[in-house]
Amino acid sequence: MTVVASFLVPVHPHPLLAPEANEGYGRLRAAFEEAAARIEASGADLIIVYSTTWPSIIGHQIQADPNPVWNLVDHDFHDLGTMHYDFQIDAEFAHAWRDAAEQRGLTARTVNYHGFPIDVGSVVSLSLLTATTASGGHRVLQRLRKPRRNHRPRQILHRRCSSRRQEGGRGGCDVPVKPYVHPTH
C-alpha cells in the first residue's frame, strides 16, 4: 500500500453544517471540496483518518465497525445542528493495523459496537472528503478486490497521546508504519 496524499483538515463542523455563515467557513468548505477532488483524482482506494481530537488513555483505538451509522451533535456547537453519517469502514484493514501496532509494542485495539462515539473531526472529514449518493448519504461500500472510482472504504484511528515511557520510548502518538498489503491485491 502506498500513501498517495495526506491532508490536514479542521475538526469543527462549520464547513459541513454552516459554510454560508461567513466567508471563512465558505473558504474552508471550498478547500475541502478541492481536497476531495484531489483524492478522487489520485485513485486512492482507502482513506485513513488519524484523529487528533480523540485522546484515549487506553491506547490506539481503530474503528472496525463495517458500517457505523449515527446522528452526531457537536458538543460545543450544538446550535449548528445534527451531522448524520453512514460510513463504510474496512474492518479487515482495521484488524491488520491493530496487529501491526501491537507488533511494534503499541497498545491498540479495534472497536466495533453500535453507537461508538466517532469524533466530530472524523465525521466532518469523511463527510466532506468522500463521495455521496444522490440522496445525500455516504456510499456504503465493501472492500473491493479491484478498486473502482468513487468507491473508497474508510478507516478511522483514534489516537493515544500519553507519556513516551508508556509506549516503550516510541511516543504515545505514534502511528504503526508497517505496510499492510491487502490479500486480494
Protein backbone atom coordinates (compact mmCIF):
# COMPACT_ATOMS: atom_id res chain seq x y z
CA MET A 1 0.00 0.00 0.00
CA THR A 2 1.35 3.40 -0.97
CA VAL A 3 0.36 6.71 0.57
CA VAL A 4 -0.66 8.92 -2.36
CA ALA A 5 -1.62 12.07 -0.44
CA SER A 6 -2.19 13.46 3.01
CA PHE A 7 -4.25 16.40 4.23
CA LEU A 8 -4.55 18.31 7.49
CA VAL A 9 -8.15 19.40 7.84
CA PRO A 10 -10.03 21.37 10.52
CA VAL A 11 -12.11 19.46 13.03
CA HIS A 12 -15.02 21.82 13.64
CA PRO A 13 -18.42 21.28 11.98
CA HIS A 14 -18.83 24.76 10.47
CA PRO A 15 -17.62 23.88 6.93
CA LEU A 16 -20.06 20.94 6.90
CA LEU A 17 -23.10 22.45 8.61
CA ALA A 18 -22.81 26.21 8.03
CA PRO A 19 -20.44 27.07 5.17
CA GLU A 20 -22.61 30.04 4.27
CA ALA A 21 -22.44 31.53 7.79
CA ASN A 22 -19.32 33.53 6.99
CA GLU A 23 -16.65 33.87 4.33
CA GLY A 24 -14.07 31.87 6.30
CA TYR A 25 -16.33 28.82 6.66
CA GLY A 26 -17.11 29.05 2.95
CA ARG A 27 -13.39 29.10 2.08
CA LEU A 28 -12.81 26.08 4.32
CA ARG A 29 -15.64 24.26 2.55
CA ALA A 30 -14.10 25.13 -0.82
CA ALA A 31 -10.74 23.79 0.41
CA PHE A 32 -12.43 20.54 1.49
CA GLU A 33 -14.00 20.27 -1.97
CA GLU A 34 -10.60 20.82 -3.60
CA ALA A 35 -9.07 18.12 -1.36
CA ALA A 36 -11.93 15.75 -2.23
CA ALA A 37 -11.28 16.32 -5.93
CA ARG A 38 -7.57 15.62 -5.43
CA ILE A 39 -8.39 12.40 -3.56
CA GLU A 40 -10.71 11.37 -6.39
CA ALA A 41 -8.05 12.10 -8.99
CA SER A 42 -5.37 10.22 -7.02
CA GLY A 43 -7.05 6.83 -7.44
CA ALA A 44 -6.69 6.07 -3.72
CA ASP A 45 -8.63 3.02 -2.60
CA LEU A 46 -8.57 3.72 1.15
CA ILE A 47 -8.89 6.90 3.20
CA ILE A 48 -7.33 6.87 6.66
CA VAL A 49 -8.41 9.48 9.18
CA TYR A 50 -5.95 9.88 12.04
CA SER A 51 -7.93 11.84 14.59
CA THR A 52 -6.08 14.22 16.85
CA THR A 53 -9.24 15.25 18.68
CA TRP A 54 -10.00 11.96 20.34
CA PRO A 55 -7.35 11.41 23.00
CA SER A 56 -7.53 7.98 24.54
CA ILE A 57 -5.84 6.81 27.70
CA ILE A 58 -6.30 3.16 26.79
CA GLY A 59 -4.27 3.10 23.59
CA HIS A 60 -4.85 3.49 19.88
CA GLN A 61 -8.48 2.72 19.06
CA ILE A 62 -9.15 1.67 15.50
CA GLN A 63 -12.71 1.70 14.16
CA ALA A 64 -13.69 -1.79 12.98
CA ASP A 65 -17.47 -1.44 12.67
CA PRO A 66 -18.02 -2.12 8.97
CA ASN A 67 -20.90 0.35 8.80
CA PRO A 68 -21.19 2.88 11.63
CA VAL A 69 -24.43 4.83 11.32
CA TRP A 70 -25.33 7.58 13.75
CA ASN A 71 -26.56 11.12 14.29
CA LEU A 72 -23.99 13.36 15.96
CA VAL A 73 -24.33 16.80 17.51
CA ASP A 74 -21.11 18.71 18.26
CA HIS A 75 -20.72 19.26 21.99
CA ASP A 76 -19.51 22.85 21.54
CA PHE A 77 -21.53 23.92 18.51
CA HIS A 78 -24.84 22.13 19.05
CA ASP A 79 -26.72 25.10 17.63
CA LEU A 80 -25.40 24.22 14.15
CA GLY A 81 -27.49 21.07 14.00
CA THR A 82 -27.05 17.36 13.53
CA MET A 83 -24.48 15.52 11.45
CA HIS A 84 -25.94 12.31 10.04
CA TYR A 85 -23.39 9.74 8.95
CA ASP A 86 -23.34 6.31 7.39
CA PHE A 87 -19.74 5.21 6.71
CA GLN A 88 -18.16 2.10 5.29
CA ILE A 89 -15.10 1.03 7.28
CA ASP A 90 -12.58 -1.56 6.13
CA ALA A 91 -12.73 -3.88 9.14
CA GLU A 92 -10.11 -6.25 7.73
CA PHE A 93 -7.64 -3.36 7.46
CA ALA A 94 -8.55 -2.25 11.00
CA HIS A 95 -7.56 -5.63 12.42
CA ALA A 96 -4.33 -5.71 10.39
CA TRP A 97 -3.46 -2.19 11.61
CA ARG A 98 -4.08 -3.24 15.21
CA ASP A 99 -1.86 -6.29 14.75
CA ALA A 100 0.92 -4.13 13.24
CA ALA A 101 0.66 -1.68 16.15
CA GLU A 102 0.86 -4.46 18.71
CA GLN A 103 3.90 -5.95 16.92
CA ARG A 104 5.60 -2.58 17.42
CA GLY A 105 4.77 -2.69 21.12
CA LEU A 106 1.99 -0.10 20.97
CA THR A 107 -1.23 -0.51 22.89
CA ALA A 108 -4.01 -0.86 20.31
CA ARG A 109 -7.48 -2.30 19.99
CA THR A 110 -10.28 -2.34 17.48
CA VAL A 111 -13.71 -1.01 18.42
CA ASN A 112 -16.92 -2.31 16.90
CA TYR A 113 -20.15 -1.58 18.68
CA HIS A 114 -23.26 0.34 17.73
CA GLY A 115 -23.07 3.90 18.95
CA PHE A 116 -19.28 4.12 19.41
CA PRO A 117 -18.72 7.88 19.61
CA ILE A 118 -16.83 8.74 16.44
CA ASP A 119 -15.40 12.21 16.97
CA VAL A 120 -16.63 15.32 15.18
CA GLY A 121 -13.38 15.82 13.27
CA SER A 122 -13.57 12.35 11.73
CA VAL A 123 -17.24 12.78 10.82
CA VAL A 124 -16.63 16.19 9.25
CA SER A 125 -13.57 14.93 7.36
CA LEU A 126 -15.21 11.84 5.93
CA SER A 127 -18.45 13.66 5.17
CA LEU A 128 -16.66 16.30 3.10
CA LEU A 129 -13.86 14.24 1.56
CA THR A 130 -15.85 11.25 0.25
CA ALA A 131 -18.47 10.74 -2.43
CA THR A 132 -22.15 10.79 -1.55
CA THR A 133 -25.17 9.15 -3.08
CA ALA A 134 -27.90 11.07 -4.89
CA SER A 135 -29.92 11.08 -1.64
CA GLY A 136 -27.05 12.77 0.20
CA GLY A 137 -25.94 9.73 2.22
CA HIS A 138 -22.39 8.41 2.17
CA ARG A 139 -21.75 5.44 -0.07
CA VAL A 140 -21.78 2.12 1.74
CA LEU A 141 -19.02 0.07 0.19
CA GLN A 142 -17.25 -3.19 0.79
CA ARG A 143 -13.52 -3.61 0.42
CA LEU A 144 -13.12 -4.07 -3.28
CA ARG A 145 -10.98 -6.70 -4.94
CA LYS A 146 -10.40 -4.25 -7.75
CA PRO A 147 -10.77 -0.59 -6.68
CA ARG A 148 -13.19 1.47 -8.72
CA ARG A 149 -13.58 5.23 -8.91
CA ASN A 150 -15.62 6.81 -6.09
CA HIS A 151 -15.52 3.56 -4.12
CA ARG A 152 -13.13 4.05 -1.22
CA PRO A 153 -13.57 2.32 2.10
CA ARG A 154 -12.57 4.43 5.06
CA GLN A 155 -10.62 3.85 8.23
CA ILE A 156 -10.60 5.88 11.44
CA LEU A 157 -7.91 5.71 14.10
CA HIS A 158 -8.47 7.38 17.42
CA ARG A 159 -5.11 8.30 18.82
CA ARG A 160 -3.45 7.90 22.15
CA CYS A 161 -1.38 10.74 23.48
CA SER A 162 0.44 9.71 26.60
CA SER A 163 3.92 9.81 28.01
CA ARG A 164 6.67 8.26 25.91
CA ARG A 165 7.65 5.84 28.66
CA GLN A 166 4.25 4.12 28.48
CA GLU A 167 4.93 3.13 24.87
CA GLY A 168 8.50 1.94 25.49
CA GLY A 169 10.03 5.19 24.25
CA ARG A 170 8.20 5.11 20.92
CA GLY A 171 5.95 8.05 21.67
CA GLY A 172 2.29 7.88 22.57
CA CYS A 173 1.09 9.46 19.33
CA ASP A 174 2.91 7.05 17.01
CA VAL A 175 1.08 5.50 14.09
CA PRO A 176 2.07 1.99 13.04
CA VAL A 177 4.15 2.22 9.88
CA LYS A 178 4.41 -1.43 8.89
CA PRO A 179 2.92 -1.66 5.41
CA TYR A 180 -0.27 -3.62 5.05
CA VAL A 181 -0.89 -5.44 1.79
CA HIS A 182 -4.46 -6.49 1.29
CA PRO A 183 -4.53 -10.21 0.42
CA THR A 184 -6.62 -9.61 -2.71
CA HIS A 185 -4.11 -7.16 -4.24
